[in-house]
Amino acid sequence: MSDPHETRASLLVRIRDQRDGTAWGQFVEIYSPLIYGFGRKHGLQDADAVDLTQEVLRIVARTAERFEYDAKLGSFRGWLFTIVRNELRTWLSRQQRIIVGNGEQRLEDLADDATESALWDQDHERRLFAWAAEQVRLEVQPATWQAFWRTAVEGQSGKDVADELEMSIAAVYLAKSRVMARLKELVKELD
């Protein structure tokens, strides 16, 4: 049985094989909410955002076997953003021809590329953190996770958390450090 962490590092290589259900499942789990959220933020109804997500995933599936990652040419996230933005523009353009003047977002209402790209990157980072946090939460003991979450995310003091969890302060900070290191490792593998 393969190590699940090993597969994350090679996800972009693995999705080239359309029969690799595990890789595609992981890819969809990570990127579908990002694509869907982008569509919703631009005024798409739920069903339309789902359609946008499916179309983008179809395009990625069609082109993944030819995708060669080269950091000099840009990030995978940037490549995916370009596909999502183009598909959204296509969808909005079709809708603009069908429905004119109904108050829905129009193609020209899209923000400039730099703004959209920055928003995409922020959303990607949030969603990547949420995905990685869920993976790590499942890997560690509940007290370790609570020590991390309460100190790093909720901003509680190490002493208060140590008292509540009946741990030493050193154990709280060690748990926080280990979880942070694992989160960074997962994010780095995918980003």
C-alpha atoms as a PDB file:
ATOM      1  CA  MET A   1       0.000   0.000   0.000  1.00  0.00           C
ATOM      2  CA  SER A   2       1.402   3.397  -0.942  1.00  0.00           C
ATOM      3  CA  ASP A   3       1.929   6.248   1.471  1.00  0.00           C
ATOM      4  CA  PRO A   4      -0.848   8.832   1.011  1.00  0.00           C
ATOM      5  CA  HIS A   5       1.639  11.674   1.518  1.00  0.00           C
ATOM      6  CA  GLU A   6       3.764  10.409  -1.353  1.00  0.00           C
ATOM      7  CA  THR A   7       0.804  10.671  -3.732  1.00  0.00           C
ATOM      8  CA  ARG A   8       0.220  14.336  -2.901  1.00  0.00           C
ATOM      9  CA  ALA A   9       3.685  15.312  -4.074  1.00  0.00           C
ATOM     10  CA  SER A  10       3.057  13.818  -7.491  1.00  0.00           C
ATOM     11  CA  LEU A  11      -0.598  14.707  -7.910  1.00  0.00           C
ATOM     12  CA  LEU A  12      -0.091  16.688 -11.117  1.00  0.00           C
ATOM     13  CA  VAL A  13       1.831  13.818 -12.634  1.00  0.00           C
ATOM     14  CA  ARG A  14      -0.712  11.259 -11.468  1.00  0.00           C
ATOM     15  CA  ILE A  15      -3.764  13.033 -12.911  1.00  0.00           C
ATOM     16  CA  ARG A  16      -2.289  12.522 -16.354  1.00  0.00           C
ATOM     17  CA  ASP A  17      -3.634   8.993 -16.008  1.00  0.00           C
ATOM     18  CA  GLN A  18      -7.409   9.409 -16.211  1.00  0.00           C
ATOM     19  CA  ARG A  19      -7.809   5.948 -14.700  1.00  0.00           C
ATOM     20  CA  ASP A  20      -6.091   6.999 -11.446  1.00  0.00           C
ATOM     21  CA  GLY A  21      -9.275   7.490  -9.452  1.00  0.00           C
ATOM     22  CA  THR A  22      -7.426   8.226  -6.221  1.00  0.00           C
ATOM     23  CA  ALA A  23      -5.454  11.097  -7.754  1.00  0.00           C
ATOM     24  CA  TRP A  24      -8.519  12.505  -9.486  1.00  0.00           C
ATOM     25  CA  GLY A  25     -10.559  12.198  -6.291  1.00  0.00           C
ATOM     26  CA  GLN A  26      -7.936  14.162  -4.422  1.00  0.00           C
ATOM     27  CA  PHE A  27      -7.670  16.742  -7.198  1.00  0.00           C
ATOM     28  CA  VAL A  28     -11.444  17.242  -7.258  1.00  0.00           C
ATOM     29  CA  GLU A  29     -11.558  17.461  -3.451  1.00  0.00           C
ATOM     30  CA  ILE A  30      -8.954  20.228  -3.454  1.00  0.00           C
ATOM     31  CA  TYR A  31      -9.856  22.265  -6.527  1.00  0.00           C
ATOM     32  CA  SER A  32     -13.623  21.882  -7.025  1.00  0.00           C
ATOM     33  CA  PRO A  33     -14.534  24.174  -4.110  1.00  0.00           C
ATOM     34  CA  LEU A  34     -12.105  26.785  -5.423  1.00  0.00           C
ATOM     35  CA  ILE A  35     -13.615  26.741  -8.916  1.00  0.00           C
ATOM     36  CA  TYR A  36     -17.191  26.618  -7.615  1.00  0.00           C
ATOM     37  CA  GLY A  37     -16.539  29.496  -5.203  1.00  0.00           C
ATOM     38  CA  PHE A  38     -15.066  31.611  -7.986  1.00  0.00           C
ATOM     39  CA  GLY A  39     -18.215  31.134 -10.045  1.00  0.00           C
ATOM     40  CA  ARG A  40     -20.495  31.968  -7.120  1.00  0.00           C
ATOM     41  CA  LYS A  41     -18.500  35.113  -6.321  1.00  0.00           C
ATOM     42  CA  HIS A  42     -19.156  36.233  -9.876  1.00  0.00           C
ATOM     43  CA  GLY A  43     -22.903  35.910  -9.594  1.00  0.00           C
ATOM     44  CA  LEU A  44     -23.494  32.390 -10.882  1.00  0.00           C
ATOM     45  CA  GLN A  45     -26.375  30.479  -9.398  1.00  0.00           C
ATOM     46  CA  ASP A  46     -25.559  27.200  -7.655  1.00  0.00           C
ATOM     47  CA  ALA A  47     -26.345  25.004 -10.675  1.00  0.00           C
ATOM     48  CA  ASP A  48     -24.380  27.269 -13.013  1.00  0.00           C
ATOM     49  CA  ALA A  49     -21.360  27.276 -10.687  1.00  0.00           C
ATOM     50  CA  VAL A  50     -21.561  23.470 -10.612  1.00  0.00           C
ATOM     51  CA  ASP A  51     -21.658  23.426 -14.421  1.00  0.00           C
ATOM     52  CA  LEU A  52     -18.657  25.775 -14.561  1.00  0.00           C
ATOM     53  CA  THR A  53     -16.778  23.488 -12.168  1.00  0.00           C
ATOM     54  CA  GLN A  54     -17.563  20.407 -14.230  1.00  0.00           C
ATOM     55  CA  GLU A  55     -16.538  22.084 -17.471  1.00  0.00           C
ATOM     56  CA  VAL A  56     -13.221  23.224 -16.006  1.00  0.00           C
ATOM     57  CA  LEU A  57     -12.570  19.716 -14.664  1.00  0.00           C
ATOM     58  CA  ARG A  58     -13.351  18.301 -18.114  1.00  0.00           C
ATOM     59  CA  ILE A  59     -10.825  20.683 -19.671  1.00  0.00           C
ATOM     60  CA  VAL A  60      -8.193  19.753 -17.083  1.00  0.00           C
ATOM     61  CA  ALA A  61      -8.857  16.053 -17.697  1.00  0.00           C
ATOM     62  CA  ARG A  62      -8.526  16.554 -21.459  1.00  0.00           C
ATOM     63  CA  THR A  63      -5.286  18.514 -21.171  1.00  0.00           C
ATOM     64  CA  ALA A  64      -3.682  16.942 -18.082  1.00  0.00           C
ATOM     65  CA  GLU A  65      -1.842  14.261 -20.039  1.00  0.00           C
ATOM     66  CA  ARG A  66      -0.050  17.002 -21.972  1.00  0.00           C
ATOM     67  CA  PHE A  67       0.541  19.275 -18.975  1.00  0.00           C
ATOM     68  CA  GLU A  68       4.247  19.698 -18.284  1.00  0.00           C
ATOM     69  CA  TYR A  69       5.006  21.655 -15.158  1.00  0.00           C
ATOM     70  CA  ASP A  70       7.705  24.258 -15.614  1.00  0.00           C
ATOM     71  CA  ALA A  71       8.046  26.793 -12.802  1.00  0.00           C
ATOM     72  CA  LYS A  72       9.571  29.296 -15.242  1.00  0.00           C
ATOM     73  CA  LEU A  73       6.312  29.364 -17.192  1.00  0.00           C
ATOM     74  CA  GLY A  74       4.139  29.921 -14.116  1.00  0.00           C
ATOM     75  CA  SER A  75       2.317  27.959 -11.482  1.00  0.00           C
ATOM     76  CA  PHE A  76      -0.278  25.249 -11.914  1.00  0.00           C
ATOM     77  CA  ARG A  77      -2.612  27.458  -9.901  1.00  0.00           C
ATOM     78  CA  GLY A  78      -2.115  30.237 -12.472  1.00  0.00           C
ATOM     79  CA  TRP A  79      -2.775  27.848 -15.351  1.00  0.00           C
ATOM     80  CA  LEU A  80      -5.955  26.635 -13.666  1.00  0.00           C
ATOM     81  CA  PHE A  81      -7.026  30.222 -12.941  1.00  0.00           C
ATOM     82  CA  THR A  82      -6.668  31.060 -16.631  1.00  0.00           C
ATOM     83  CA  ILE A  83      -8.919  28.145 -17.563  1.00  0.00           C
ATOM     84  CA  VAL A  84     -11.522  29.068 -14.930  1.00  0.00           C
ATOM     85  CA  ARG A  85     -11.560  32.737 -15.890  1.00  0.00           C
ATOM     86  CA  ASN A  86     -11.844  31.937 -19.603  1.00  0.00           C
ATOM     87  CA  GLU A  87     -14.698  29.508 -18.986  1.00  0.00           C
ATOM     88  CA  LEU A  88     -16.476  32.057 -16.804  1.00  0.00           C
ATOM     89  CA  ARG A  89     -16.085  34.696 -19.514  1.00  0.00           C
ATOM     90  CA  THR A  90     -17.451  32.272 -22.086  1.00  0.00           C
ATOM     91  CA  TRP A  91     -20.419  31.477 -19.861  1.00  0.00           C
ATOM     92  CA  LEU A  92     -21.112  35.144 -19.105  1.00  0.00           C
ATOM     93  CA  SER A  93     -20.777  36.015 -22.786  1.00  0.00           C
ATOM     94  CA  ARG A  94     -23.361  33.369 -23.710  1.00  0.00           C
ATOM     95  CA  GLN A  95     -25.700  34.607 -20.985  1.00  0.00           C
ATOM     96  CA  GLN A  96     -25.256  38.210 -22.058  1.00  0.00           C
ATOM     97  CA  ARG A  97     -26.472  37.302 -25.515  1.00  0.00           C
ATOM     98  CA  ILE A  98     -29.446  35.430 -24.067  1.00  0.00           C
ATOM     99  CA  ILE A  99     -30.451  37.767 -21.236  1.00  0.00           C
ATOM    100  CA  VAL A 100     -29.720  41.467 -21.597  1.00  0.00           C
ATOM    101  CA  GLY A 101     -30.446  44.026 -18.904  1.00  0.00           C
ATOM    102  CA  ASN A 102     -31.776  41.791 -16.148  1.00  0.00           C
ATOM    103  CA  GLY A 103     -29.360  43.049 -13.495  1.00  0.00           C
ATOM    104  CA  GLU A 104     -27.170  39.966 -13.512  1.00  0.00           C
ATOM    105  CA  GLN A 105     -23.426  40.330 -13.650  1.00  0.00           C
ATOM    106  CA  ARG A 106     -22.213  41.072 -17.138  1.00  0.00           C
ATOM    107  CA  LEU A 107     -18.936  40.231 -18.789  1.00  0.00           C
ATOM    108  CA  GLU A 108     -17.608  43.766 -18.551  1.00  0.00           C
ATOM    109  CA  ASP A 109     -18.279  43.719 -14.780  1.00  0.00           C
ATOM    110  CA  LEU A 110     -15.419  41.295 -14.180  1.00  0.00           C
ATOM    111  CA  ALA A 111     -12.574  42.913 -12.299  1.00  0.00           C
ATOM    112  CA  ASP A 112      -9.228  43.397 -13.996  1.00  0.00           C
ATOM    113  CA  ASP A 113      -6.879  40.429 -14.340  1.00  0.00           C
ATOM    114  CA  ALA A 114      -4.554  41.504 -11.518  1.00  0.00           C
ATOM    115  CA  THR A 115      -7.409  41.893  -9.033  1.00  0.00           C
ATOM    116  CA  GLU A 116      -9.027  38.626 -10.085  1.00  0.00           C
ATOM    117  CA  SER A 117      -5.706  36.817  -9.900  1.00  0.00           C
ATOM    118  CA  ALA A 118      -5.025  38.155  -6.402  1.00  0.00           C
ATOM    119  CA  LEU A 119      -8.493  37.094  -5.229  1.00  0.00           C
ATOM    120  CA  TRP A 120      -8.019  33.672  -6.823  1.00  0.00           C
ATOM    121  CA  ASP A 121      -4.675  33.247  -5.039  1.00  0.00           C
ATOM    122  CA  GLN A 122      -6.160  34.258  -1.682  1.00  0.00           C
ATOM    123  CA  ASP A 123      -9.067  31.869  -2.074  1.00  0.00           C
ATOM    124  CA  HIS A 124      -6.709  29.118  -3.202  1.00  0.00           C
ATOM    125  CA  GLU A 125      -4.541  29.613  -0.113  1.00  0.00           C
ATOM    126  CA  ARG A 126      -7.569  29.516   2.191  1.00  0.00           C
ATOM    127  CA  ARG A 127      -8.958  26.399   0.595  1.00  0.00           C
ATOM    128  CA  LEU A 128      -5.566  24.720   0.506  1.00  0.00           C
ATOM    129  CA  PHE A 129      -5.126  25.452   4.211  1.00  0.00           C
ATOM    130  CA  ALA A 130      -8.612  24.084   4.968  1.00  0.00           C
ATOM    131  CA  TRP A 131      -7.871  20.907   3.015  1.00  0.00           C
ATOM    132  CA  ALA A 132      -4.443  20.443   4.612  1.00  0.00           C
ATOM    133  CA  ALA A 133      -5.855  21.176   8.078  1.00  0.00           C
ATOM    134  CA  GLU A 134      -8.458  18.448   7.645  1.00  0.00           C
ATOM    135  CA  GLN A 135      -5.777  15.970   6.542  1.00  0.00           C
ATOM    136  CA  VAL A 136      -3.546  16.796   9.512  1.00  0.00           C
ATOM    137  CA  ARG A 137      -6.445  16.781  11.967  1.00  0.00           C
ATOM    138  CA  LEU A 138      -7.097  13.169  10.968  1.00  0.00           C
ATOM    139  CA  GLU A 139      -3.415  12.263  11.429  1.00  0.00           C
ATOM    140  CA  VAL A 140      -2.867  13.577  14.955  1.00  0.00           C
ATOM    141  CA  GLN A 141      -4.330  12.947  18.382  1.00  0.00           C
ATOM    142  CA  PRO A 142      -7.323  15.123  19.306  1.00  0.00           C
ATOM    143  CA  ALA A 143      -5.392  16.859  22.121  1.00  0.00           C
ATOM    144  CA  THR A 144      -2.547  17.665  19.725  1.00  0.00           C
ATOM    145  CA  TRP A 145      -4.991  19.166  17.261  1.00  0.00           C
ATOM    146  CA  GLN A 146      -6.771  21.152  19.962  1.00  0.00           C
ATOM    147  CA  ALA A 147      -3.460  22.506  21.257  1.00  0.00           C
ATOM    148  CA  PHE A 148      -2.567  23.667  17.763  1.00  0.00           C
ATOM    149  CA  TRP A 149      -5.983  25.056  16.863  1.00  0.00           C
ATOM    150  CA  ARG A 150      -6.535  26.955  20.077  1.00  0.00           C
ATOM    151  CA  THR A 151      -3.098  28.580  20.099  1.00  0.00           C
ATOM    152  CA  ALA A 152      -2.437  29.106  16.383  1.00  0.00           C
ATOM    153  CA  VAL A 153      -5.913  29.790  15.025  1.00  0.00           C
ATOM    154  CA  GLU A 154      -7.957  31.024  17.977  1.00  0.00           C
ATOM    155  CA  GLY A 155      -5.030  32.885  19.546  1.00  0.00           C
ATOM    156  CA  GLN A 156      -5.438  31.504  23.060  1.00  0.00           C
ATOM    157  CA  SER A 157      -2.430  31.554  25.357  1.00  0.00           C
ATOM    158  CA  GLY A 158      -0.326  28.425  25.709  1.00  0.00           C
ATOM    159  CA  LYS A 159      -0.867  28.457  29.473  1.00  0.00           C
ATOM    160  CA  ASP A 160      -4.668  28.577  29.169  1.00  0.00           C
ATOM    161  CA  VAL A 161      -4.698  25.785  26.602  1.00  0.00           C
ATOM    162  CA  ALA A 162      -2.290  23.696  28.691  1.00  0.00           C
ATOM    163  CA  ASP A 163      -4.552  24.079  31.726  1.00  0.00           C
ATOM    164  CA  GLU A 164      -7.705  23.184  29.766  1.00  0.00           C
ATOM    165  CA  LEU A 165      -6.146  20.166  28.031  1.00  0.00           C
ATOM    166  CA  GLU A 166      -4.181  19.070  31.123  1.00  0.00           C
ATOM    167  CA  MET A 167      -0.887  19.275  29.241  1.00  0.00           C
ATOM    168  CA  SER A 168       2.357  21.023  30.011  1.00  0.00           C
ATOM    169  CA  ILE A 169       2.935  24.347  28.278  1.00  0.00           C
ATOM    170  CA  ALA A 170       5.929  22.788  26.508  1.00  0.00           C
ATOM    171  CA  ALA A 171       3.686  19.982  25.194  1.00  0.00           C
ATOM    172  CA  VAL A 172       1.204  22.542  23.863  1.00  0.00           C
ATOM    173  CA  TYR A 173       3.897  24.430  21.963  1.00  0.00           C
ATOM    174  CA  LEU A 174       5.461  21.198  20.721  1.00  0.00           C
ATOM    175  CA  ALA A 175       2.049  20.075  19.409  1.00  0.00           C
ATOM    176  CA  LYS A 176       1.553  23.457  17.750  1.00  0.00           C
ATOM    177  CA  SER A 177       4.979  23.272  16.149  1.00  0.00           C
ATOM    178  CA  ARG A 178       4.502  19.723  14.845  1.00  0.00           C
ATOM    179  CA  VAL A 179       1.091  20.464  13.366  1.00  0.00           C
ATOM    180  CA  MET A 180       2.377  23.670  11.747  1.00  0.00           C
ATOM    181  CA  ALA A 181       5.312  21.769  10.234  1.00  0.00           C
ATOM    182  CA  ARG A 182       3.000  19.096   8.833  1.00  0.00           C
ATOM    183  CA  LEU A 183       0.613  21.721   7.429  1.00  0.00           C
ATOM    184  CA  LYS A 184       3.500  23.509   5.722  1.00  0.00           C
ATOM    185  CA  GLU A 185       4.717  20.204   4.292  1.00  0.00           C
ATOM    186  CA  LEU A 186       1.308  19.358   2.812  1.00  0.00           C
ATOM    187  CA  VAL A 187       0.787  22.844   1.394  1.00  0.00           C
ATOM    188  CA  LYS A 188       4.269  22.859  -0.109  1.00  0.00           C
ATOM    189  CA  GLU A 189       3.650  19.478  -1.758  1.00  0.00           C
ATOM    190  CA  LEU A 190       0.512  20.765  -3.443  1.00  0.00           C
ATOM    191  CA  ASP A 191       1.580  24.296  -4.155  1.00  0.00           C
END
